[in-house]
Protein backbone atom coordinates (compact mmCIF):
# COMPACT_ATOMS: atom_id res chain seq x y z
CA MET A 1 -3.99 -9.27 16.77
CA SER A 2 -7.18 -10.47 15.14
CA VAL A 3 -7.18 -12.90 12.23
CA ALA A 4 -10.68 -11.78 11.30
CA SER A 5 -10.01 -8.06 11.33
CA PRO A 6 -11.88 -5.69 9.01
CA GLU A 7 -10.34 -3.29 6.53
CA GLY A 8 -7.59 -1.11 7.96
CA VAL A 9 -6.96 -3.06 11.19
CA ILE A 10 -3.49 -4.46 11.89
CA ARG A 11 -3.40 -8.23 11.48
CA PHE A 12 0.21 -8.90 12.41
CA CYS A 13 2.11 -8.68 15.68
CA VAL A 14 4.01 -5.42 16.04
CA GLU A 15 6.62 -4.34 18.56
CA CYS A 16 6.87 -0.56 18.47
CA GLU A 17 9.57 1.67 19.95
CA ALA A 18 7.87 5.00 20.63
CA THR A 19 10.44 7.43 19.25
CA MET A 20 10.26 9.67 16.17
CA ALA A 21 10.58 7.58 13.01
CA CYS A 22 12.11 10.16 10.69
CA ASP A 23 12.87 13.78 9.93
CA ALA A 24 10.47 16.00 7.99
CA PHE A 25 12.61 16.09 4.84
CA GLU A 26 12.43 12.30 4.55
CA ILE A 27 8.69 12.35 3.91
CA GLU A 28 8.44 15.38 1.61
CA ASP A 29 8.14 13.29 -1.56
CA LEU A 30 5.62 10.94 0.04
CA GLU A 31 3.52 13.81 1.32
CA ALA A 32 3.45 15.53 -2.06
CA TRP A 33 1.89 12.43 -3.56
CA ARG A 34 -0.32 11.73 -0.57
CA VAL A 35 -2.01 15.11 -1.06
CA GLU A 36 -2.76 14.21 -4.68
CA LEU A 37 -4.06 10.73 -3.88
CA LEU A 38 -6.17 12.08 -1.05
CA ARG A 39 -7.68 14.67 -3.40
CA ARG A 40 -8.65 11.91 -5.82
CA GLY A 41 -10.15 9.69 -3.12
CA LEU A 42 -7.53 6.98 -3.64
CA ILE A 43 -6.54 7.17 0.01
CA GLY A 44 -8.44 8.69 2.91
CA GLN A 45 -11.37 7.96 5.16
CA ALA A 46 -15.09 8.29 4.46
CA ALA A 47 -18.22 7.20 6.30
CA GLY A 48 -19.57 5.35 3.28
CA ARG A 49 -16.43 3.35 2.47
CA TYR A 50 -15.00 0.32 4.28
CA GLY A 51 -16.95 0.83 7.47
CA GLY A 52 -15.63 4.34 7.94
CA LEU A 53 -12.04 3.17 8.47
CA GLY A 54 -9.00 4.77 6.89
CA PHE A 55 -7.66 3.29 3.65
CA GLY A 56 -4.50 3.53 1.58
CA ASN A 57 -0.86 4.00 2.55
CA LEU A 58 2.52 4.99 1.15
CA SER A 59 6.08 3.92 1.89
CA LYS A 60 9.69 4.46 0.85
CA ARG A 61 12.77 2.33 1.20
CA LEU A 62 15.53 3.51 3.53
CA ASP A 63 19.02 2.23 4.28
CA HIS A 64 19.92 -1.03 6.01
CA GLY A 65 16.81 -2.93 4.92
CA THR A 66 14.35 -0.57 6.61
CA PHE A 67 11.46 1.43 5.20
CA LEU A 68 9.14 4.26 6.18
CA ILE A 69 5.39 3.75 5.96
CA SER A 70 2.42 5.92 6.83
CA GLY A 71 0.82 5.08 10.14
CA SER A 72 -2.25 2.98 10.81
CA GLN A 73 -5.57 4.83 10.57
CA THR A 74 -4.19 8.18 9.44
CA GLY A 75 -6.42 8.45 6.37
CA HIS A 76 -8.55 11.19 7.89
CA LEU A 77 -5.61 13.58 8.17
CA ARG A 78 -5.03 16.06 5.35
CA GLY A 79 -1.29 15.98 5.90
CA LEU A 80 1.06 13.78 7.88
CA THR A 81 4.05 14.78 9.97
CA PRO A 82 6.93 12.52 11.04
CA ALA A 83 4.79 11.65 14.08
CA GLU A 84 2.33 9.85 11.76
CA TYR A 85 4.96 7.67 10.10
CA ALA A 86 6.57 4.45 11.27
CA ARG A 87 9.91 2.95 10.32
CA ILE A 88 9.99 -0.82 9.88
CA ILE A 89 13.35 -1.96 11.22
CA ASP A 90 12.92 -5.72 11.57
CA PHE A 91 10.41 -8.32 10.46
CA SER A 92 9.58 -11.99 10.16
CA PRO A 93 6.72 -12.86 7.80
CA GLU A 94 6.97 -16.45 8.99
CA ARG A 95 6.09 -15.27 12.50
CA ASN A 96 3.62 -12.64 11.28
CA TRP A 97 5.70 -10.07 13.14
CA VAL A 98 7.33 -6.68 12.57
CA ARG A 99 9.32 -4.30 14.73
CA SER A 100 8.91 -0.58 14.15
CA VAL A 101 10.08 2.78 15.40
CA GLY A 102 7.61 5.64 15.55
CA LEU A 103 4.96 7.45 17.52
CA THR A 104 2.29 5.53 15.62
CA LYS A 105 1.90 1.91 14.58
CA PRO A 106 2.66 1.06 10.95
CA SER A 107 -0.05 0.70 8.35
CA SER A 108 -1.94 -2.58 8.35
CA GLU A 109 -0.51 -3.28 4.87
CA ALA A 110 3.13 -3.18 5.99
CA LEU A 111 3.64 -6.84 5.03
CA THR A 112 2.48 -6.15 1.47
CA HIS A 113 4.99 -3.31 1.13
CA LEU A 114 7.65 -5.58 2.60
CA ALA A 115 6.94 -8.26 -0.01
CA ILE A 116 7.63 -5.77 -2.79
CA TYR A 117 10.82 -4.40 -1.26
CA GLN A 118 12.15 -7.91 -0.65
CA SER A 119 11.23 -9.11 -4.14
CA LEU A 120 12.31 -6.05 -6.15
CA PRO A 121 15.62 -4.45 -5.12
CA ALA A 122 14.99 -1.59 -7.57
CA ALA A 123 11.68 -0.62 -5.95
CA GLN A 124 12.15 2.41 -3.73
CA TYR A 125 8.52 3.47 -3.25
CA VAL A 126 5.26 1.57 -2.81
CA PHE A 127 1.78 3.11 -2.93
CA HIS A 128 -1.32 1.23 -1.83
CA ALA A 129 -4.50 2.93 -2.99
CA HIS A 130 -8.17 2.03 -3.15
CA SER A 131 -9.77 2.48 -6.55
CA PRO A 132 -13.05 0.70 -7.29
CA GLU A 133 -12.74 1.96 -10.87
CA ILE A 134 -9.45 0.16 -11.49
CA TRP A 135 -10.11 -2.83 -9.23
CA ASN A 136 -13.46 -3.76 -10.77
CA ARG A 137 -11.88 -3.78 -14.22
CA ARG A 138 -8.52 -5.26 -13.28
CA HIS A 139 -8.94 -8.21 -15.63
CA GLU A 140 -9.97 -6.04 -18.58
CA LEU A 141 -7.00 -3.77 -17.89
CA ASN A 142 -4.72 -6.82 -17.71
CA ILE A 143 -3.53 -6.00 -14.20
CA PRO A 144 -1.90 -8.92 -12.33
CA SER A 145 -4.01 -9.92 -9.35
CA THR A 146 -3.45 -11.84 -6.14
CA HIS A 147 -5.67 -14.78 -5.22
CA PRO A 148 -9.09 -13.72 -3.87
CA LYS A 149 -8.62 -15.88 -0.77
CA ALA A 150 -5.54 -13.89 0.31
CA GLU A 151 -6.90 -11.09 2.49
CA GLY A 152 -5.30 -7.69 2.95
CA GLY A 153 -2.68 -7.29 5.65
CA THR A 154 -2.08 -11.03 6.06
CA VAL A 155 0.89 -13.33 5.65
CA ALA A 156 -1.07 -14.99 2.84
CA MET A 157 -1.08 -11.67 0.97
CA PHE A 158 2.66 -11.29 1.59
CA TYR A 159 3.35 -14.63 -0.06
CA GLU A 160 0.88 -14.01 -2.89
CA VAL A 161 2.57 -10.73 -3.79
CA ALA A 162 6.03 -12.29 -3.54
CA MET A 163 4.95 -15.15 -5.80
CA LEU A 164 3.48 -12.81 -8.43
CA LEU A 165 6.65 -10.75 -8.51
CA GLN A 166 8.77 -13.78 -9.38
CA ASP A 167 7.38 -13.27 -12.89
CA HIS A 168 9.60 -10.68 -14.58
CA ALA A 169 6.73 -9.44 -16.73
CA VAL A 170 4.64 -8.76 -13.64
CA SER A 171 7.46 -7.01 -11.81
CA GLN A 172 7.95 -4.69 -14.78
CA ARG A 173 4.29 -3.62 -14.85
CA GLY A 174 4.64 -1.62 -11.66
CA ILE A 175 1.08 -2.41 -10.58
CA LEU A 176 -0.98 -5.24 -9.12
CA ALA A 177 -4.48 -5.68 -7.80
CA MET A 178 -5.26 -7.30 -4.46
CA GLY A 179 -7.88 -9.87 -5.36
CA GLY A 180 -8.89 -10.52 -1.75
CA HIS A 181 -8.79 -6.89 -0.64
CA GLU A 182 -11.69 -4.86 -1.99
CA ASP A 183 -10.56 -2.04 -4.32
CA GLY A 184 -6.91 -2.56 -3.30
CA ILE A 185 -4.36 -1.49 -5.91
CA VAL A 186 -0.59 -1.41 -5.33
CA THR A 187 2.01 0.39 -7.44
CA TRP A 188 5.76 0.74 -7.05
CA GLY A 189 8.72 2.46 -8.66
CA GLN A 190 12.25 3.74 -8.34
CA THR A 191 10.86 7.19 -7.51
CA ALA A 192 7.71 8.48 -5.87
CA ASN A 193 6.71 10.04 -9.19
CA GLN A 194 7.02 6.71 -10.95
CA ALA A 195 4.87 4.88 -8.39
CA GLY A 196 2.25 7.63 -8.43
CA THR A 197 2.20 8.12 -12.18
CA VAL A 198 1.55 4.43 -12.85
CA LEU A 199 -1.50 4.63 -10.60
CA LEU A 200 -2.88 7.77 -12.24
CA GLN A 201 -2.24 6.42 -15.74
CA PHE A 202 -4.34 3.35 -15.04
CA LEU A 203 -7.03 5.51 -13.52
CA ALA A 204 -7.07 7.65 -16.67
CA THR A 205 -7.07 4.54 -18.88
CA ASP A 206 -10.08 3.15 -17.06
CA ARG A 207 -12.01 6.37 -17.48
CA LYS A 208 -11.23 6.51 -21.20
CA THR A 209 -12.13 2.87 -21.85
CA PRO A 210 -15.84 2.36 -22.59
CA SER A 211 -17.57 -0.09 -20.30
CA PRO A 212 -18.89 -3.25 -22.04
CA THR A 213 -22.35 -2.28 -20.78
CA ALA A 214 -22.13 1.33 -21.96
CA ALA A 215 -24.62 2.48 -24.56
């Protein structure tokens, strides 16, 4: 584990049991939205973005306090199979540690997803996208934002997100910006459609809102 890792690199300790994390039907709703977000460049991998590393991830809550999350550095793949997902089965933010099941390691933002699931019992899905359009105008769009010193994938980000979500008004928005994680936007909802729609609505709002510098 590196505490000075770049975008997309796991910054927590992970113990992984290398067995299949899920069945195909369990990721159908996630994959339907992943295709759409990939098409819009909200997740993926590109040479000119973030040092060429993969970005963005999706998750869903499962039974017994576990959740499924897309695997680390899978952004270049057009579609994911169960082999590219991990199931988080145990965790300790205090120790910067998670235990997972899967043939791949969990996304580097697993702790951020965990913070939302722990803070909001109603949240069943969490999407982490990268949108410079939304992120650069997060204050104008009145999107709650984490402290800029809390970097992505860290325990500091876990606690920042958890603290923000103590505010009922913030938890009801269904969206936050990661102030210390370039272009990072997180949405959540009771369904995959709810989490995805919030993201696309803010993207549409940004594109309809004239820039202060526009002629």
